[in-house]
Amino acid sequence: VVRPIPIVRKNLHHPSLGALEIDRHTLSLPGSGFSLVMYTAEAG
């Protein structure tokens, strides 16, 4: 069974900030064929 994975945690290296842990949130926009992708960091 296929279910979209709404949140994926990524570990990135920013050239000036260093290591970052970022969450990718993907929201499907029904009927449009488009998705909205947001990147956030855990509060605090």
All heavy atoms as atom14 arrays in JSON, in Angstrom:
{
  "sequence": "VVRPIPIVRKNLHHPSLGALEIDRHTLSLPGSGFSLVMYTAEAG",
  "atom14_mask": [
    [1, 1, 1, 1, 1, 1, 1, 0, 0, 0, 0, 0, 0, 0],
    [1, 1, 1, 1, 1, 1, 1, 0, 0, 0, 0, 0, 0, 0],
    [1, 1, 1, 1, 1, 1, 1, 1, 1, 1, 1, 0, 0, 0],
    [1, 1, 1, 1, 1, 1, 1, 0, 0, 0, 0, 0, 0, 0],
    [1, 1, 1, 1, 1, 1, 1, 1, 0, 0, 0, 0, 0, 0],
    [1, 1, 1, 1, 1, 1, 1, 0, 0, 0, 0, 0, 0, 0],
    [1, 1, 1, 1, 1, 1, 1, 1, 0, 0, 0, 0, 0, 0],
    [1, 1, 1, 1, 1, 1, 1, 0, 0, 0, 0, 0, 0, 0],
    [1, 1, 1, 1, 1, 1, 1, 1, 1, 1, 1, 0, 0, 0],
    [1, 1, 1, 1, 1, 1, 1, 1, 1, 0, 0, 0, 0, 0],
    [1, 1, 1, 1, 1, 1, 1, 1, 0, 0, 0, 0, 0, 0],
    [1, 1, 1, 1, 1, 1, 1, 1, 0, 0, 0, 0, 0, 0],
    [1, 1, 1, 1, 1, 1, 1, 1, 1, 1, 0, 0, 0, 0],
    [1, 1, 1, 1, 1, 1, 1, 1, 1, 1, 0, 0, 0, 0],
    [1, 1, 1, 1, 1, 1, 1, 0, 0, 0, 0, 0, 0, 0],
    [1, 1, 1, 1, 1, 1, 0, 0, 0, 0, 0, 0, 0, 0],
    [1, 1, 1, 1, 1, 1, 1, 1, 0, 0, 0, 0, 0, 0],
    [1, 1, 1, 1, 0, 0, 0, 0, 0, 0, 0, 0, 0, 0],
    [1, 1, 1, 1, 1, 0, 0, 0, 0, 0, 0, 0, 0, 0],
    [1, 1, 1, 1, 1, 1, 1, 1, 0, 0, 0, 0, 0, 0],
    [1, 1, 1, 1, 1, 1, 1, 1, 1, 0, 0, 0, 0, 0],
    [1, 1, 1, 1, 1, 1, 1, 1, 0, 0, 0, 0, 0, 0],
    [1, 1, 1, 1, 1, 1, 1, 1, 0, 0, 0, 0, 0, 0],
    [1, 1, 1, 1, 1, 1, 1, 1, 1, 1, 1, 0, 0, 0],
    [1, 1, 1, 1, 1, 1, 1, 1, 1, 1, 0, 0, 0, 0],
    [1, 1, 1, 1, 1, 1, 1, 0, 0, 0, 0, 0, 0, 0],
    [1, 1, 1, 1, 1, 1, 1, 1, 0, 0, 0, 0, 0, 0],
    [1, 1, 1, 1, 1, 1, 0, 0, 0, 0, 0, 0, 0, 0],
    [1, 1, 1, 1, 1, 1, 1, 1, 0, 0, 0, 0, 0, 0],
    [1, 1, 1, 1, 1, 1, 1, 0, 0, 0, 0, 0, 0, 0],
    [1, 1, 1, 1, 0, 0, 0, 0, 0, 0, 0, 0, 0, 0],
    [1, 1, 1, 1, 1, 1, 0, 0, 0, 0, 0, 0, 0, 0],
    [1, 1, 1, 1, 0, 0, 0, 0, 0, 0, 0, 0, 0, 0],
    [1, 1, 1, 1, 1, 1, 1, 1, 1, 1, 1, 0, 0, 0],
    [1, 1, 1, 1, 1, 1, 0, 0, 0, 0, 0, 0, 0, 0],
    [1, 1, 1, 1, 1, 1, 1, 1, 0, 0, 0, 0, 0, 0],
    [1, 1, 1, 1, 1, 1, 1, 0, 0, 0, 0, 0, 0, 0],
    [1, 1, 1, 1, 1, 1, 1, 1, 0, 0, 0, 0, 0, 0],
    [1, 1, 1, 1, 1, 1, 1, 1, 1, 1, 1, 1, 0, 0],
    [1, 1, 1, 1, 1, 1, 1, 0, 0, 0, 0, 0, 0, 0],
    [1, 1, 1, 1, 1, 0, 0, 0, 0, 0, 0, 0, 0, 0],
    [1, 1, 1, 1, 1, 1, 1, 1, 1, 0, 0, 0, 0, 0],
    [1, 1, 1, 1, 1, 0, 0, 0, 0, 0, 0, 0, 0, 0],
    [1, 1, 1, 1, 0, 0, 0, 0, 0, 0, 0, 0, 0, 0]
  ],
  "atom14_positions": [
    [[0.87, -1.17, 0.0], [0.0, 0.0, 0.0], [0.91, 1.23, 0.0], [1.88, 1.28, 0.73], [-0.89, 0.01, 1.26], [-1.72, 1.27, 1.32], [-1.79, -1.23, 1.28], [0.0, 0.0, 0.0], [0.0, 0.0, 0.0], [0.0, 0.0, 0.0], [0.0, 0.0, 0.0], [0.0, 0.0, 0.0], [0.0, 0.0, 0.0], [0.0, 0.0, 0.0]],
    [[0.56, 2.21, -0.8], [1.37, 3.42, -0.89], [0.71, 4.52, -0.08], [-0.47, 4.79, -0.22], [1.51, 3.88, -2.35], [2.25, 5.21, -2.42], [2.21, 2.84, -3.16], [0.0, 0.0, 0.0], [0.0, 0.0, 0.0], [0.0, 0.0, 0.0], [0.0, 0.0, 0.0], [0.0, 0.0, 0.0], [0.0, 0.0, 0.0], [0.0, 0.0, 0.0]],
    [[1.49, 5.11, 0.79], [1.04, 6.29, 1.53], [2.14, 7.33, 1.44], [3.3, 7.01, 1.65], [0.81, 5.93, 3.0], [-0.39, 5.06, 3.21], [-0.61, 4.81, 4.7], [-1.59, 3.8, 4.9], [-1.33, 2.49, 5.0], [-0.1, 2.06, 4.95], [-2.31, 1.64, 5.17], [0.0, 0.0, 0.0], [0.0, 0.0, 0.0], [0.0, 0.0, 0.0]],
    [[1.79, 8.56, 1.1], [2.83, 9.59, 1.06], [3.47, 9.77, 2.44], [2.81, 9.61, 3.46], [2.08, 10.85, 0.67], [0.72, 10.44, 0.28], [0.49, 9.06, 0.81], [0.0, 0.0, 0.0], [0.0, 0.0, 0.0], [0.0, 0.0, 0.0], [0.0, 0.0, 0.0], [0.0, 0.0, 0.0], [0.0, 0.0, 0.0], [0.0, 0.0, 0.0]],
    [[4.74, 10.07, 2.46], [5.44, 10.36, 3.71], [5.4, 11.87, 3.88], [6.09, 12.59, 3.16], [6.89, 9.83, 3.67], [6.89, 8.33, 3.43], [7.62, 10.19, 4.95], [8.25, 7.74, 3.19], [0.0, 0.0, 0.0], [0.0, 0.0, 0.0], [0.0, 0.0, 0.0], [0.0, 0.0, 0.0], [0.0, 0.0, 0.0], [0.0, 0.0, 0.0]],
    [[4.58, 12.38, 4.82], [4.42, 13.83, 4.91], [5.63, 14.57, 5.47], [5.85, 15.72, 5.14], [3.21, 13.99, 5.81], [3.13, 12.73, 6.59], [3.74, 11.66, 5.74], [0.0, 0.0, 0.0], [0.0, 0.0, 0.0], [0.0, 0.0, 0.0], [0.0, 0.0, 0.0], [0.0, 0.0, 0.0], [0.0, 0.0, 0.0], [0.0, 0.0, 0.0]],
    [[6.41, 13.93, 6.35], [7.55, 14.62, 6.96], [8.79, 13.72, 6.86], [8.75, 12.55, 7.19], [7.29, 14.95, 8.44], [6.07, 15.86, 8.57], [8.51, 15.63, 9.06], [5.65, 16.12, 10.0], [0.0, 0.0, 0.0], [0.0, 0.0, 0.0], [0.0, 0.0, 0.0], [0.0, 0.0, 0.0], [0.0, 0.0, 0.0], [0.0, 0.0, 0.0]],
    [[9.89, 14.32, 6.39], [11.16, 13.61, 6.29], [12.22, 14.49, 6.94], [12.33, 15.67, 6.62], [11.54, 13.33, 4.82], [12.92, 12.72, 4.72], [10.5, 12.46, 4.15], [0.0, 0.0, 0.0], [0.0, 0.0, 0.0], [0.0, 0.0, 0.0], [0.0, 0.0, 0.0], [0.0, 0.0, 0.0], [0.0, 0.0, 0.0], [0.0, 0.0, 0.0]],
    [[13.0, 13.93, 7.86], [14.08, 14.69, 8.5], [15.34, 14.57, 7.65], [15.7, 13.49, 7.2], [14.35, 14.15, 9.89], [15.49, 14.92, 10.53], [15.38, 15.1, 11.99], [14.26, 15.92, 12.36], [13.81, 16.04, 13.6], [14.41, 15.4, 14.57], [12.78, 16.78, 13.88], [0.0, 0.0, 0.0], [0.0, 0.0, 0.0], [0.0, 0.0, 0.0]],
    [[15.99, 15.71, 7.42], [17.21, 15.76, 6.62], [18.33, 16.37, 7.45], [18.09, 17.28, 8.23], [16.99, 16.62, 5.38], [15.88, 16.12, 4.5], [16.29, 16.29, 3.07], [15.29, 15.62, 2.17], [15.87, 14.62, 1.36], [0.0, 0.0, 0.0], [0.0, 0.0, 0.0], [0.0, 0.0, 0.0], [0.0, 0.0, 0.0], [0.0, 0.0, 0.0]],
    [[19.51, 15.86, 7.29], [20.71, 16.44, 7.9], [21.49, 17.11, 6.78], [21.87, 16.47, 5.81], [21.55, 15.37, 8.58], [20.83, 14.79, 9.77], [20.47, 15.52, 10.67], [20.6, 13.49, 9.76], [0.0, 0.0, 0.0], [0.0, 0.0, 0.0], [0.0, 0.0, 0.0], [0.0, 0.0, 0.0], [0.0, 0.0, 0.0], [0.0, 0.0, 0.0]],
    [[21.68, 18.42, 6.92], [22.34, 19.21, 5.89], [23.57, 19.89, 6.47], [23.67, 20.09, 7.67], [21.39, 20.29, 5.37], [20.03, 19.85, 4.88], [19.16, 21.06, 4.58], [20.16, 18.99, 3.64], [0.0, 0.0, 0.0], [0.0, 0.0, 0.0], [0.0, 0.0, 0.0], [0.0, 0.0, 0.0], [0.0, 0.0, 0.0], [0.0, 0.0, 0.0]],
    [[24.47, 20.27, 5.57], [25.61, 21.08, 5.99], [25.54, 22.4, 5.25], [25.68, 22.45, 4.03], [26.94, 20.39, 5.71], [28.09, 21.22, 6.17], [28.48, 21.26, 7.49], [28.91, 22.06, 5.5], [29.49, 22.1, 7.61], [29.78, 22.59, 6.4], [0.0, 0.0, 0.0], [0.0, 0.0, 0.0], [0.0, 0.0, 0.0], [0.0, 0.0, 0.0]],
    [[25.31, 23.49, 5.99], [25.27, 24.83, 5.41], [26.67, 25.4, 5.46], [27.38, 25.24, 6.46], [24.3, 25.7, 6.23], [24.06, 27.04, 5.65], [24.9, 28.1, 5.86], [23.06, 27.49, 4.85], [24.43, 29.15, 5.22], [23.31, 28.81, 4.6], [0.0, 0.0, 0.0], [0.0, 0.0, 0.0], [0.0, 0.0, 0.0], [0.0, 0.0, 0.0]],
    [[27.11, 26.1, 4.4], [28.5, 26.59, 4.35], [28.9, 27.5, 5.5], [30.04, 27.47, 5.94], [28.6, 27.32, 3.02], [27.28, 27.25, 2.37], [26.37, 26.41, 3.2], [0.0, 0.0, 0.0], [0.0, 0.0, 0.0], [0.0, 0.0, 0.0], [0.0, 0.0, 0.0], [0.0, 0.0, 0.0], [0.0, 0.0, 0.0], [0.0, 0.0, 0.0]],
    [[27.96, 28.29, 6.02], [28.35, 29.18, 7.13], [27.71, 28.79, 8.46], [28.22, 29.15, 9.51], [28.02, 30.64, 6.8], [26.64, 30.8, 6.57], [0.0, 0.0, 0.0], [0.0, 0.0, 0.0], [0.0, 0.0, 0.0], [0.0, 0.0, 0.0], [0.0, 0.0, 0.0], [0.0, 0.0, 0.0], [0.0, 0.0, 0.0], [0.0, 0.0, 0.0]],
    [[26.61, 28.05, 8.43], [25.94, 27.67, 9.68], [26.37, 26.3, 10.2], [26.14, 25.99, 11.36], [24.42, 27.68, 9.49], [23.79, 29.01, 9.05], [22.3, 28.83, 8.86], [24.08, 30.1, 10.06], [0.0, 0.0, 0.0], [0.0, 0.0, 0.0], [0.0, 0.0, 0.0], [0.0, 0.0, 0.0], [0.0, 0.0, 0.0], [0.0, 0.0, 0.0]],
    [[26.96, 25.5, 9.34], [27.37, 24.16, 9.75], [26.23, 23.15, 9.65], [25.36, 23.27, 8.79], [0.0, 0.0, 0.0], [0.0, 0.0, 0.0], [0.0, 0.0, 0.0], [0.0, 0.0, 0.0], [0.0, 0.0, 0.0], [0.0, 0.0, 0.0], [0.0, 0.0, 0.0], [0.0, 0.0, 0.0], [0.0, 0.0, 0.0], [0.0, 0.0, 0.0]],
    [[26.25, 22.18, 10.55], [25.27, 21.1, 10.51], [23.89, 21.6, 10.91], [23.73, 22.32, 11.9], [25.7, 19.97, 11.45], [0.0, 0.0, 0.0], [0.0, 0.0, 0.0], [0.0, 0.0, 0.0], [0.0, 0.0, 0.0], [0.0, 0.0, 0.0], [0.0, 0.0, 0.0], [0.0, 0.0, 0.0], [0.0, 0.0, 0.0], [0.0, 0.0, 0.0]],
    [[22.88, 21.21, 10.11], [21.49, 21.56, 10.39], [20.63, 20.32, 10.28], [20.84, 19.48, 9.41], [20.98, 22.6, 9.37], [21.65, 23.95, 9.34], [21.15, 24.75, 8.14], [21.4, 24.71, 10.64], [0.0, 0.0, 0.0], [0.0, 0.0, 0.0], [0.0, 0.0, 0.0], [0.0, 0.0, 0.0], [0.0, 0.0, 0.0], [0.0, 0.0, 0.0]],
    [[19.66, 20.21, 11.16], [18.65, 19.16, 11.1], [17.35, 19.82, 10.69], [16.8, 20.64, 11.42], [18.52, 18.49, 12.47], [18.38, 17.02, 12.37], [18.36, 16.37, 13.73], [17.51, 16.72, 14.58], [19.21, 15.49, 13.95], [0.0, 0.0, 0.0], [0.0, 0.0, 0.0], [0.0, 0.0, 0.0], [0.0, 0.0, 0.0], [0.0, 0.0, 0.0]],
    [[16.88, 19.5, 9.5], [15.72, 20.17, 8.9], [14.65, 19.13, 8.59], [14.95, 18.04, 8.14], [16.14, 20.88, 7.59], [17.31, 21.82, 7.81], [14.97, 21.59, 6.94], [17.01, 23.01, 8.66], [0.0, 0.0, 0.0], [0.0, 0.0, 0.0], [0.0, 0.0, 0.0], [0.0, 0.0, 0.0], [0.0, 0.0, 0.0], [0.0, 0.0, 0.0]],
    [[13.39, 19.51, 8.81], [12.27, 18.64, 8.45], [11.63, 19.14, 7.17], [11.36, 20.34, 7.02], [11.2, 18.62, 9.56], [11.71, 17.96, 10.82], [12.56, 17.06, 10.72], [11.25, 18.34, 11.91], [0.0, 0.0, 0.0], [0.0, 0.0, 0.0], [0.0, 0.0, 0.0], [0.0, 0.0, 0.0], [0.0, 0.0, 0.0], [0.0, 0.0, 0.0]],
    [[11.43, 18.22, 6.23], [10.74, 18.56, 4.98], [9.29, 18.13, 5.11], [8.99, 16.97, 5.37], [11.37, 17.83, 3.79], [10.73, 18.23, 2.46], [11.18, 17.36, 1.33], [10.49, 16.08, 1.46], [10.88, 14.96, 0.88], [11.96, 14.94, 0.14], [10.21, 13.85, 1.05], [0.0, 0.0, 0.0], [0.0, 0.0, 0.0], [0.0, 0.0, 0.0]],
    [[8.38, 19.07, 4.96], [6.94, 18.81, 5.02], [6.4, 18.92, 3.61], [6.62, 19.93, 2.93], [6.24, 19.86, 5.89], [6.81, 19.98, 7.27], [6.27, 19.33, 8.36], [7.89, 20.65, 7.74], [6.98, 19.62, 9.43], [7.97, 20.42, 9.07], [0.0, 0.0, 0.0], [0.0, 0.0, 0.0], [0.0, 0.0, 0.0], [0.0, 0.0, 0.0]],
    [[5.68, 17.9, 3.16], [5.1, 17.93, 1.82], [3.58, 17.86, 1.95], [3.05, 16.93, 2.55], [5.6, 16.74, 0.98], [7.03, 16.78, 0.95], [5.07, 16.8, -0.43], [0.0, 0.0, 0.0], [0.0, 0.0, 0.0], [0.0, 0.0, 0.0], [0.0, 0.0, 0.0], [0.0, 0.0, 0.0], [0.0, 0.0, 0.0], [0.0, 0.0, 0.0]],
    [[2.92, 18.86, 1.4], [1.46, 18.92, 1.41], [0.97, 18.83, -0.03], [1.34, 19.64, -0.87], [0.98, 20.23, 2.04], [1.51, 20.54, 3.43], [1.13, 21.96, 3.84], [0.97, 19.54, 4.43], [0.0, 0.0, 0.0], [0.0, 0.0, 0.0], [0.0, 0.0, 0.0], [0.0, 0.0, 0.0], [0.0, 0.0, 0.0], [0.0, 0.0, 0.0]],
    [[0.15, 17.82, -0.33], [-0.42, 17.7, -1.66], [-1.57, 18.68, -1.8], [-2.34, 18.86, -0.86], [-0.92, 16.28, -1.9], [0.17, 15.39, -1.89], [0.0, 0.0, 0.0], [0.0, 0.0, 0.0], [0.0, 0.0, 0.0], [0.0, 0.0, 0.0], [0.0, 0.0, 0.0], [0.0, 0.0, 0.0], [0.0, 0.0, 0.0], [0.0, 0.0, 0.0]],
    [[-1.66, 19.3, -2.94], [-2.75, 20.23, -3.22], [-3.76, 19.49, -4.09], [-3.56, 19.33, -5.29], [-2.21, 21.48, -3.91], [-1.1, 22.19, -3.13], [-0.51, 23.33, -3.94], [-1.61, 22.69, -1.8], [0.0, 0.0, 0.0], [0.0, 0.0, 0.0], [0.0, 0.0, 0.0], [0.0, 0.0, 0.0], [0.0, 0.0, 0.0], [0.0, 0.0, 0.0]],
    [[-4.84, 18.98, -3.47], [-5.78, 18.1, -4.17], [-6.3, 18.7, -5.48], [-6.61, 19.88, -5.56], [-6.93, 17.95, -3.17], [-6.32, 18.24, -1.84], [-5.25, 19.27, -2.11], [0.0, 0.0, 0.0], [0.0, 0.0, 0.0], [0.0, 0.0, 0.0], [0.0, 0.0, 0.0], [0.0, 0.0, 0.0], [0.0, 0.0, 0.0], [0.0, 0.0, 0.0]],
    [[-6.35, 17.83, -6.48], [-6.9, 18.22, -7.77], [-5.99, 19.05, -8.64], [-6.34, 19.37, -9.77], [0.0, 0.0, 0.0], [0.0, 0.0, 0.0], [0.0, 0.0, 0.0], [0.0, 0.0, 0.0], [0.0, 0.0, 0.0], [0.0, 0.0, 0.0], [0.0, 0.0, 0.0], [0.0, 0.0, 0.0], [0.0, 0.0, 0.0], [0.0, 0.0, 0.0]],
    [[-4.81, 19.42, -8.14], [-3.95, 20.31, -8.92], [-2.74, 19.6, -9.51], [-2.13, 20.1, -10.44], [-3.46, 21.46, -8.04], [-2.52, 20.98, -7.09], [0.0, 0.0, 0.0], [0.0, 0.0, 0.0], [0.0, 0.0, 0.0], [0.0, 0.0, 0.0], [0.0, 0.0, 0.0], [0.0, 0.0, 0.0], [0.0, 0.0, 0.0], [0.0, 0.0, 0.0]],
    [[-2.34, 18.48, -8.93], [-1.1, 17.84, -9.36], [0.13, 18.5, -8.78], [1.25, 18.14, -9.09], [0.0, 0.0, 0.0], [0.0, 0.0, 0.0], [0.0, 0.0, 0.0], [0.0, 0.0, 0.0], [0.0, 0.0, 0.0], [0.0, 0.0, 0.0], [0.0, 0.0, 0.0], [0.0, 0.0, 0.0], [0.0, 0.0, 0.0], [0.0, 0.0, 0.0]],
    [[-0.07, 19.49, -7.9], [1.04, 20.21, -7.3], [1.17, 19.84, -5.82], [0.22, 19.4, -5.2], [0.84, 21.73, -7.39], [0.91, 22.26, -8.78], [-0.23, 22.56, -9.48], [2.14, 22.44, -9.41], [-0.18, 23.04, -10.78], [2.21, 22.92, -10.7], [1.05, 23.22, -11.39], [0.0, 0.0, 0.0], [0.0, 0.0, 0.0], [0.0, 0.0, 0.0]],
    [[2.36, 20.06, -5.29], [2.62, 19.88, -3.87], [3.32, 21.12, -3.35], [4.07, 21.77, -4.07], [3.52, 18.67, -3.62], [2.89, 17.49, -4.02], [0.0, 0.0, 0.0], [0.0, 0.0, 0.0], [0.0, 0.0, 0.0], [0.0, 0.0, 0.0], [0.0, 0.0, 0.0], [0.0, 0.0, 0.0], [0.0, 0.0, 0.0], [0.0, 0.0, 0.0]],
    [[3.08, 21.41, -2.09], [3.77, 22.49, -1.41], [4.81, 21.85, -0.5], [4.47, 20.98, 0.31], [2.79, 23.32, -0.59], [3.39, 24.4, 0.31], [4.05, 25.48, -0.53], [2.32, 25.0, 1.19], [0.0, 0.0, 0.0], [0.0, 0.0, 0.0], [0.0, 0.0, 0.0], [0.0, 0.0, 0.0], [0.0, 0.0, 0.0], [0.0, 0.0, 0.0]],
    [[6.07, 22.23, -0.65], [7.14, 21.66, 0.16], [7.7, 22.77, 1.04], [8.05, 23.84, 0.55], [8.26, 21.06, -0.72], [9.37, 20.49, 0.14], [7.68, 19.99, -1.64], [0.0, 0.0, 0.0], [0.0, 0.0, 0.0], [0.0, 0.0, 0.0], [0.0, 0.0, 0.0], [0.0, 0.0, 0.0], [0.0, 0.0, 0.0], [0.0, 0.0, 0.0]],
    [[7.74, 22.51, 2.35], [8.28, 23.48, 3.3], [9.4, 22.83, 4.09], [9.34, 21.64, 4.39], [7.18, 23.92, 4.28], [6.01, 24.59, 3.63], [4.73, 24.99, 4.83], [4.15, 23.36, 5.29], [0.0, 0.0, 0.0], [0.0, 0.0, 0.0], [0.0, 0.0, 0.0], [0.0, 0.0, 0.0], [0.0, 0.0, 0.0], [0.0, 0.0, 0.0]],
    [[10.39, 23.61, 4.43], [11.49, 23.13, 5.26], [11.46, 23.91, 6.57], [11.4, 25.14, 6.55], [12.83, 23.32, 4.55], [12.98, 22.4, 3.36], [12.55, 22.78, 2.1], [13.54, 21.14, 3.52], [12.68, 21.93, 1.02], [13.68, 20.28, 2.44], [13.24, 20.69, 1.19], [13.38, 19.84, 0.13], [0.0, 0.0, 0.0], [0.0, 0.0, 0.0]],
    [[11.49, 23.2, 7.68], [11.47, 23.84, 9.0], [12.48, 23.16, 9.9], [12.91, 22.04, 9.65], [10.08, 23.75, 9.66], [9.77, 22.36, 9.88], [9.0, 24.38, 8.79], [0.0, 0.0, 0.0], [0.0, 0.0, 0.0], [0.0, 0.0, 0.0], [0.0, 0.0, 0.0], [0.0, 0.0, 0.0], [0.0, 0.0, 0.0], [0.0, 0.0, 0.0]],
    [[12.82, 23.86, 10.97], [13.66, 23.27, 12.02], [12.8, 23.18, 13.27], [11.92, 24.01, 13.49], [14.88, 24.15, 12.27], [0.0, 0.0, 0.0], [0.0, 0.0, 0.0], [0.0, 0.0, 0.0], [0.0, 0.0, 0.0], [0.0, 0.0, 0.0], [0.0, 0.0, 0.0], [0.0, 0.0, 0.0], [0.0, 0.0, 0.0], [0.0, 0.0, 0.0]],
    [[13.05, 22.18, 14.08], [12.29, 21.98, 15.31], [12.45, 23.21, 16.22], [13.57, 23.68, 16.45], [12.77, 20.72, 16.02], [11.92, 20.35, 17.2], [12.35, 19.02, 17.81], [12.95, 18.19, 17.1], [12.08, 18.83, 19.0], [0.0, 0.0, 0.0], [0.0, 0.0, 0.0], [0.0, 0.0, 0.0], [0.0, 0.0, 0.0], [0.0, 0.0, 0.0]],
    [[11.32, 23.71, 16.71], [11.34, 24.89, 17.59], [12.26, 24.66, 18.78], [12.25, 23.59, 19.39], [9.93, 25.2, 18.07], [0.0, 0.0, 0.0], [0.0, 0.0, 0.0], [0.0, 0.0, 0.0], [0.0, 0.0, 0.0], [0.0, 0.0, 0.0], [0.0, 0.0, 0.0], [0.0, 0.0, 0.0], [0.0, 0.0, 0.0], [0.0, 0.0, 0.0]],
    [[13.08, 25.64, 19.07], [14.0, 25.56, 20.21], [15.28, 24.8, 19.94], [16.15, 24.72, 20.81], [0.0, 0.0, 0.0], [0.0, 0.0, 0.0], [0.0, 0.0, 0.0], [0.0, 0.0, 0.0], [0.0, 0.0, 0.0], [0.0, 0.0, 0.0], [0.0, 0.0, 0.0], [0.0, 0.0, 0.0], [0.0, 0.0, 0.0], [0.0, 0.0, 0.0]]
  ]
}
